[in-house]
Amino acid sequence: MNLLLIFFEIVMNIYVGNLHYGLTEDDLKEVFGEYGDVESVKIIADKFSGRSKGFGFVDMPNDLEGQKAIDELNDTDLKGRNMKVNQAREKTENKGGNFNRAE
């Protein structure tokens, strides 16, 4: 009997807020790269203007390195703004418009 072992790589998804609007994804990757491997970086931009919304997400494949980055970077200055850094919460579906009305 052959056993098939499957290993899932768990990626830590990190929320980074209060970013300077001129900060690039490469800038953010460089900052987080000091703590370990960075799988991806995404700064969220307005879909019409293309301007940064001042927050983004960093994926780090190693939980320990990701947690160290969170611990050491949260509330630190980057280009004149104190970043807010924490583990991202799972996105919840928000359809909007319901406003908890009783039907």
Protein backbone atom coordinates (compact mmCIF):
# COMPACT_ATOMS: atom_id res chain seq x y z
CA MET A 1 0.00 0.00 0.00
CA ASN A 2 1.39 3.38 -1.00
CA LEU A 3 0.71 6.33 1.17
CA LEU A 4 0.38 9.64 -0.53
CA LEU A 5 1.42 12.49 1.69
CA ILE A 6 0.32 15.93 0.71
CA PHE A 7 1.91 18.93 2.28
CA PHE A 8 0.13 22.24 2.10
CA GLU A 9 2.24 25.31 2.29
CA ILE A 10 0.47 27.76 4.52
CA VAL A 11 1.11 31.31 3.50
CA MET A 12 0.73 34.07 6.05
CA ASN A 13 -1.33 36.88 4.57
CA ILE A 14 -0.40 40.18 6.21
CA TYR A 15 -2.47 43.38 6.14
CA VAL A 16 -0.45 46.60 5.94
CA GLY A 17 -2.34 49.85 6.45
CA ASN A 18 -1.70 53.59 6.75
CA LEU A 19 0.76 53.46 3.85
CA HIS A 20 2.17 56.56 2.18
CA TYR A 21 0.31 57.02 -1.12
CA GLY A 22 3.57 57.14 -3.07
CA LEU A 23 4.84 53.81 -1.74
CA THR A 24 5.34 51.11 -4.38
CA GLU A 25 4.93 47.35 -4.16
CA ASP A 26 8.70 47.04 -4.64
CA ASP A 27 9.27 49.36 -1.64
CA LEU A 28 7.01 47.22 0.52
CA LYS A 29 8.61 43.99 -0.69
CA GLU A 30 12.02 45.35 0.25
CA VAL A 31 10.86 46.24 3.78
CA PHE A 32 9.26 42.84 4.42
CA GLY A 33 12.09 41.03 2.66
CA GLU A 34 14.34 41.96 5.59
CA TYR A 35 12.33 39.42 7.63
CA GLY A 36 12.24 36.54 5.16
CA ASP A 37 10.87 35.38 1.84
CA VAL A 38 8.05 37.44 0.36
CA GLU A 39 5.77 35.52 -1.98
CA SER A 40 3.71 38.48 -3.17
CA VAL A 41 2.83 42.10 -2.45
CA LYS A 42 -0.32 43.92 -3.50
CA ILE A 43 -1.07 47.57 -2.78
CA ILE A 44 -4.76 48.23 -3.31
CA ALA A 45 -5.53 51.04 -5.75
CA ASP A 46 -8.69 52.89 -6.67
CA LYS A 47 -10.06 51.28 -9.83
CA PHE A 48 -10.90 54.61 -11.45
CA SER A 49 -7.99 56.88 -10.52
CA GLY A 50 -5.33 54.21 -10.03
CA ARG A 51 -4.25 56.01 -6.85
CA SER A 52 -3.22 53.92 -3.86
CA LYS A 53 -5.86 53.52 -1.17
CA GLY A 54 -3.11 53.47 1.46
CA PHE A 55 -3.24 49.78 2.33
CA GLY A 56 -2.13 46.48 0.93
CA PHE A 57 -1.26 42.85 1.58
CA VAL A 58 1.97 40.91 1.82
CA ASP A 59 2.16 37.12 1.57
CA MET A 60 5.03 35.40 3.38
CA PRO A 61 5.39 31.60 3.11
CA ASN A 62 6.97 31.18 6.55
CA ASP A 63 4.67 31.86 9.53
CA LEU A 64 7.55 32.56 11.92
CA GLU A 65 9.10 35.11 9.58
CA GLY A 66 5.68 36.64 8.94
CA GLN A 67 4.94 36.95 12.65
CA LYS A 68 8.35 38.53 13.27
CA ALA A 69 7.66 41.07 10.51
CA ILE A 70 4.28 41.87 12.07
CA ASP A 71 5.75 42.24 15.56
CA GLU A 72 8.63 44.45 14.47
CA LEU A 73 6.97 46.56 11.77
CA ASN A 74 3.61 47.38 13.34
CA ASP A 75 3.38 51.07 14.21
CA THR A 76 6.79 51.87 12.69
CA ASP A 77 7.48 54.82 10.41
CA LEU A 78 7.74 54.27 6.67
CA LYS A 79 8.00 57.43 4.55
CA GLY A 80 6.50 59.57 7.29
CA ARG A 81 3.54 57.36 8.21
CA ASN A 82 3.20 54.77 10.97
CA MET A 83 2.26 51.49 9.32
CA LYS A 84 -0.42 49.29 10.81
CA VAL A 85 0.66 45.69 10.32
CA ASN A 86 -1.27 42.59 11.38
CA GLN A 87 -2.37 39.21 10.12
CA ALA A 88 -5.08 39.71 7.52
CA ARG A 89 -8.55 38.50 8.36
CA GLU A 90 -10.38 36.32 5.91
CA LYS A 91 -12.49 38.33 3.49
CA THR A 92 -16.18 38.17 4.29
CA GLU A 93 -18.80 38.46 1.61
CA ASN A 94 -20.58 41.78 1.83
CA LYS A 95 -23.41 42.24 -0.62
CA GLY A 96 -24.28 45.69 0.75
CA GLY A 97 -27.64 47.38 0.75
CA ASN A 98 -29.28 45.03 3.25
CA PHE A 99 -28.84 47.20 6.35
CA ASN A 100 -30.26 44.40 8.50
CA ARG A 101 -33.83 45.16 7.49
CA ALA A 102 -36.57 42.94 8.79
CA GLU A 103 -38.53 41.55 5.90
